[in-house]
Amino acid sequence: ANYRAGKLMVFATNTGNNQMAEMVLAHDNTNAYLSVYGVIAAPYDAANTTTPLGTFTAGINNANVEIYMAQTRSNTAVKIVAHLIK
C-alpha cells in the first residue's frame, strides 16, 4: 500500500521468442485495476500470428499488489521496469 499506481514495462523471453508489453496499474486497497497495451510479440510475421508468451492480470494479496502472467510457454523469463507513484 506504499504506492497507489504505476506504469510497467514487461519483457518476456523464451527460446528466441520475445514479448514486450506496457501497462498501467492502480489500486484502492481492495481491488487492483490493470490496463495492458502496446503488446508486441516476436518474431513478427506479416500476418501477425505470433502468439504472445502470456497474458496479465493483477490482484491484491494482503497489503501487496501482485501482477500475474499466465504463460503460454512454460519457463518464460520475465524482466520488469516499473515507475511507481505514491
Protein backbone atom coordinates (compact mmCIF):
# COMPACT_ATOMS: atom_id res chain seq x y z
CA ALA A 1 0.00 0.00 0.00
CA ASN A 2 3.05 2.30 -0.20
CA TYR A 3 2.30 3.06 -3.84
CA ARG A 4 -1.10 3.85 -5.36
CA ALA A 5 -0.33 3.45 -9.07
CA GLY A 6 2.38 2.51 -11.50
CA LYS A 7 3.42 2.19 -15.11
CA LEU A 8 5.23 -1.01 -16.02
CA MET A 9 7.15 -2.32 -19.00
CA VAL A 10 7.36 -6.11 -19.09
CA PHE A 11 9.73 -8.07 -21.32
CA ALA A 12 9.31 -11.84 -21.62
CA THR A 13 11.57 -14.23 -23.49
CA ASN A 14 11.55 -17.95 -24.24
CA THR A 15 13.82 -19.76 -26.74
CA GLY A 16 14.09 -16.98 -29.31
CA ASN A 17 10.53 -15.73 -28.83
CA ASN A 18 10.06 -12.32 -27.23
CA GLN A 19 7.16 -10.25 -25.97
CA MET A 20 7.04 -6.66 -24.79
CA ALA A 21 4.03 -5.11 -23.06
CA GLU A 22 3.33 -1.82 -21.38
CA MET A 23 0.70 -1.47 -18.66
CA VAL A 24 -0.70 0.91 -16.09
CA LEU A 25 -1.95 -0.19 -12.70
CA ALA A 26 -3.88 1.45 -9.87
CA HIS A 27 -5.48 0.11 -6.70
CA ASP A 28 -7.83 1.20 -3.92
CA ASN A 29 -6.56 -1.26 -1.25
CA THR A 30 -9.39 -3.64 -2.19
CA ASN A 31 -9.09 -4.12 -5.95
CA ALA A 32 -6.28 -3.73 -8.48
CA TYR A 33 -7.06 -2.27 -11.89
CA LEU A 34 -4.78 -3.10 -14.81
CA SER A 35 -4.76 -1.88 -18.39
CA VAL A 36 -2.34 -3.65 -20.76
CA TYR A 37 -1.49 -2.07 -24.13
CA GLY A 38 1.35 -1.89 -26.59
CA VAL A 39 1.84 -5.66 -26.70
CA ILE A 40 4.16 -6.93 -29.38
CA ALA A 41 5.35 -10.50 -29.85
CA ALA A 42 8.33 -11.51 -31.97
CA PRO A 43 9.41 -12.98 -34.22
CA TYR A 44 6.84 -10.90 -36.03
CA ASP A 45 5.27 -12.19 -39.22
CA ALA A 46 3.24 -10.29 -41.81
CA ALA A 47 0.01 -11.99 -40.72
CA ASN A 48 0.72 -11.06 -37.05
CA THR A 49 0.07 -14.63 -35.96
CA THR A 50 2.87 -14.86 -33.38
CA THR A 51 1.32 -16.00 -30.11
CA PRO A 52 2.18 -13.80 -27.12
CA LEU A 53 4.14 -15.55 -24.35
CA GLY A 54 1.50 -14.65 -21.79
CA THR A 55 -1.38 -12.52 -20.60
CA PHE A 56 -1.51 -10.33 -17.50
CA THR A 57 -3.85 -9.78 -14.56
CA ALA A 58 -3.47 -8.06 -11.19
CA GLY A 59 -4.84 -8.59 -7.71
CA ILE A 60 -4.49 -7.66 -4.05
CA ASN A 61 -2.88 -10.11 -1.61
CA ASN A 62 -2.97 -8.72 1.94
CA ALA A 63 -1.14 -5.37 1.66
CA ASN A 64 0.53 -6.23 -1.66
CA VAL A 65 -0.47 -5.67 -5.26
CA GLU A 66 0.51 -8.65 -7.38
CA ILE A 67 0.81 -8.87 -11.15
CA TYR A 68 0.33 -12.31 -12.65
CA MET A 69 1.44 -13.59 -16.03
CA ALA A 70 -0.38 -16.62 -17.41
CA GLN A 71 2.36 -18.15 -19.54
CA THR A 72 1.56 -19.75 -22.88
CA ARG A 73 5.02 -21.40 -22.83
CA SER A 74 6.50 -22.79 -19.63
CA ASN A 75 9.82 -21.47 -18.31
CA THR A 76 9.37 -17.99 -19.77
CA ALA A 77 11.79 -15.48 -18.24
CA VAL A 78 10.39 -12.04 -17.35
CA LYS A 79 12.03 -8.67 -16.69
CA ILE A 80 10.07 -5.67 -15.38
CA VAL A 81 10.80 -1.95 -15.23
CA ALA A 82 8.33 -0.05 -13.06
CA HIS A 83 7.66 3.59 -12.34
CA LEU A 84 5.68 3.65 -9.10
CA ILE A 85 3.58 6.55 -7.79
CA LYS A 86 2.78 7.20 -4.12
